[in-house]
C-alpha atoms as a PDB file:
ATOM      1  CA  MET A   1      17.708-109.432 -72.341  1.00  0.00           C
ATOM      2  CA  GLU A   2      14.713-107.441 -71.504  1.00  0.00           C
ATOM      3  CA  LEU A   3      14.410-105.936 -67.929  1.00  0.00           C
ATOM      4  CA  ARG A   4      11.026-107.939 -67.228  1.00  0.00           C
ATOM      5  CA  ALA A   5      12.772-111.205 -68.136  1.00  0.00           C
ATOM      6  CA  ARG A   6      15.883-110.476 -65.970  1.00  0.00           C
ATOM      7  CA  ARG A   7      13.668-109.768 -62.889  1.00  0.00           C
ATOM      8  CA  PHE A   8      11.583-112.938 -63.488  1.00  0.00           C
ATOM      9  CA  LEU A   9      14.801-114.852 -63.712  1.00  0.00           C
ATOM     10  CA  LEU A  10      16.139-113.355 -60.353  1.00  0.00           C
ATOM     11  CA  PHE A  11      12.873-113.884 -58.701  1.00  0.00           C
ATOM     12  CA  THR A  12      12.795-117.668 -59.608  1.00  0.00           C
ATOM     13  CA  PHE A  13      16.289-118.073 -58.754  1.00  0.00           C
ATOM     14  CA  SER A  14      15.914-116.369 -55.310  1.00  0.00           C
ATOM     15  CA  LEU A  15      12.857-118.477 -54.656  1.00  0.00           C
ATOM     16  CA  PHE A  16      14.768-121.664 -55.453  1.00  0.00           C
ATOM     17  CA  LEU A  17      17.485-120.723 -53.280  1.00  0.00           C
ATOM     18  CA  PHE A  18      15.102-119.776 -50.328  1.00  0.00           C
ATOM     19  CA  LEU A  19      13.429-123.224 -50.739  1.00  0.00           C
ATOM     20  CA  MET A  20      16.613-125.149 -50.865  1.00  0.00           C
ATOM     21  CA  ALA A  21      18.008-123.340 -47.774  1.00  0.00           C
ATOM     22  CA  THR A  22      14.878-123.821 -45.538  1.00  0.00           C
ATOM     23  CA  GLY A  23      14.658-127.420 -46.486  1.00  0.00           C
ATOM     24  CA  LEU A  24      10.973-127.331 -47.443  1.00  0.00           C
ATOM     25  CA  PRO A  25      10.010-130.167 -49.498  1.00  0.00           C
ATOM     26  CA  ALA A  26       8.334-129.119 -52.920  1.00  0.00           C
ATOM     27  CA  LYS A  27       6.019-132.230 -53.028  1.00  0.00           C
ATOM     28  CA  GLY A  28       6.254-133.767 -49.556  1.00  0.00           C
ATOM     29  CA  GLU A  29       8.755-136.025 -48.253  1.00  0.00           C
ATOM     30  CA  VAL A  30       9.684-139.171 -50.060  1.00  0.00           C
ATOM     31  CA  ASP A  31      11.022-142.349 -48.538  1.00  0.00           C
ATOM     32  CA  TYR A  32      13.562-143.572 -51.212  1.00  0.00           C
ATOM     33  CA  LEU A  33      14.828-146.368 -49.003  1.00  0.00           C
ATOM     34  CA  GLU A  34      11.293-147.738 -48.898  1.00  0.00           C
ATOM     35  CA  GLN A  35      10.862-147.440 -52.594  1.00  0.00           C
ATOM     36  CA  MET A  36      13.973-149.564 -53.116  1.00  0.00           C
ATOM     37  CA  GLY A  37      12.827-152.247 -50.705  1.00  0.00           C
ATOM     38  CA  VAL A  38      15.281-151.399 -48.020  1.00  0.00           C
ATOM     39  CA  LEU A  39      13.938-152.666 -44.713  1.00  0.00           C
ATOM     40  CA  MET A  40      15.021-150.810 -41.462  1.00  0.00           C
ATOM     41  CA  PRO A  41      15.724-153.065 -38.345  1.00  0.00           C
ATOM     42  CA  LYS A  42      13.218-152.891 -35.599  1.00  0.00           C
ATOM     43  CA  GLU A  43      15.904-152.431 -33.077  1.00  0.00           C
ATOM     44  CA  ASN A  44      19.411-151.016 -33.098  1.00  0.00           C
ATOM     45  CA  ILE A  45      22.149-153.494 -32.807  1.00  0.00           C
ATOM     46  CA  ASP A  46      25.830-152.412 -32.078  1.00  0.00           C
ATOM     47  CA  ALA A  47      28.380-153.554 -34.460  1.00  0.00           C
ATOM     48  CA  PRO A  48      31.003-155.950 -32.787  1.00  0.00           C
ATOM     49  CA  HIS A  49      34.458-154.384 -32.189  1.00  0.00           C
ATOM     50  CA  PHE A  50      36.986-154.651 -34.780  1.00  0.00           C
ATOM     51  CA  ILE A  51      40.109-153.204 -36.148  1.00  0.00           C
ATOM     52  CA  LEU A  52      40.983-152.662 -39.879  1.00  0.00           C
ATOM     53  CA  PRO A  53      43.719-150.865 -41.639  1.00  0.00           C
ATOM     54  CA  ASP A  54      43.060-147.596 -43.614  1.00  0.00           C
ATOM     55  CA  LEU A  55      44.066-146.695 -47.066  1.00  0.00           C
ATOM     56  CA  GLU A  56      47.447-145.674 -45.665  1.00  0.00           C
ATOM     57  CA  GLY A  57      48.094-148.754 -43.448  1.00  0.00           C
ATOM     58  CA  ARG A  58      47.198-147.312 -40.220  1.00  0.00           C
ATOM     59  CA  LYS A  59      45.078-149.376 -37.769  1.00  0.00           C
ATOM     60  CA  ILE A  60      41.848-147.938 -36.939  1.00  0.00           C
ATOM     61  CA  SER A  61      39.440-149.087 -34.171  1.00  0.00           C
ATOM     62  CA  LEU A  62      35.683-149.008 -34.708  1.00  0.00           C
ATOM     63  CA  ARG A  63      35.370-147.465 -31.347  1.00  0.00           C
ATOM     64  CA  GLU A  64      37.747-144.557 -32.233  1.00  0.00           C
ATOM     65  CA  LEU A  65      34.897-143.764 -34.684  1.00  0.00           C
ATOM     66  CA  GLN A  66      32.081-143.878 -32.351  1.00  0.00           C
ATOM     67  CA  GLY A  67      29.592-141.126 -32.997  1.00  0.00           C
ATOM     68  CA  LYS A  68      30.724-140.705 -36.589  1.00  0.00           C
ATOM     69  CA  PHE A  69      29.318-141.793 -39.859  1.00  0.00           C
ATOM     70  CA  VAL A  70      31.126-144.920 -40.914  1.00  0.00           C
ATOM     71  CA  MET A  71      30.811-146.560 -44.415  1.00  0.00           C
ATOM     72  CA  LEU A  72      32.330-150.103 -44.925  1.00  0.00           C
ATOM     73  CA  ASN A  73      32.845-151.301 -48.427  1.00  0.00           C
ATOM     74  CA  PHE A  74      33.544-154.987 -48.510  1.00  0.00           C
ATOM     75  CA  TRP A  75      34.210-156.470 -51.841  1.00  0.00           C
ATOM     76  CA  ALA A  76      35.565-159.601 -53.435  1.00  0.00           C
ATOM     77  CA  THR A  77      36.761-160.710 -56.939  1.00  0.00           C
ATOM     78  CA  TRP A  78      35.415-164.318 -56.786  1.00  0.00           C
END
């Protein structure tokens, strides 16, 4: 590969890494949730207290996870 082409690729890759590391949006910020029709609640509502088993059968309280991201996946085979 030609030296000039290598320098161009290195510069392009470095610019890409810089933009990704700084978090600068290339075309402005996009609200993907709004595009999908997801409505955000006007006020925060605390979840009720509950205890569920994890995948290993241990009981976990929601209060133990306070301040952490929690994703619950409820499903059924109707």
